[in-house]
Amino acid sequence: MSVGPPDGPQASSPPRPLPQRRRGWRLWLRRTLWVLLVLATLISAAVLVLLRTQFGARFAVAQALPLVNDLFQGDILIGSVDGQIATGLVFHDVRIIDGEGREAVAARRVEVDVGLLALIKQRVDLRDVVVEGATYTLFGKGRRIIAEDAFLFEGSVPEPTAAAPSG
């Protein structure tokens, strides 16, 4: 008889360790999944802060206002912002200045409710707008309409030409 481990199907051998290559791949996959989970959590938190806090509303307005002002010959000035993007914004002391620096429209308070789906598509959908304490300067010196000048899009309106005599 031999004095060694039994041979045959009843013999129990210790489990073989996984090759180093296979363990490395599983470790890499596990770490990658954790990193993706942490990134998804951080992005979700940032979106919630942007949509559900006054800080997020002020930040979004501060980013969007220069873009909007680049579209017009005039400027839109906002004194302060309250509210949340998700539930509605309240702008205080809003002024629209025409291209020559004159105040065309002023409002003490403007409430705006925007559509969130449109914002995702980088569009603005104003679902509800309430304006309180508005003043509108219709004519300036020379009987010219001031507010119209504030809303002209830059480069989109041709210069007026002399009308041809009708005959």
Foldseek 3Di string as FASTA:
>chain_A
DDDDFDDDDVTDDDDDDDPPVVVVVVVVVVVVVVVVVVVVVVVVVVVCCLAPALVNVVVVCVVCQVVVQLFALWHKDFDGWDDGLQAKIKTAFIFIAFNVGHTFKTFGIKIWHWDPVCVVVVHTDTPDIDTHRMDGDQADPPRHGGVVRRGDTPPPDDDDDDDDDDD
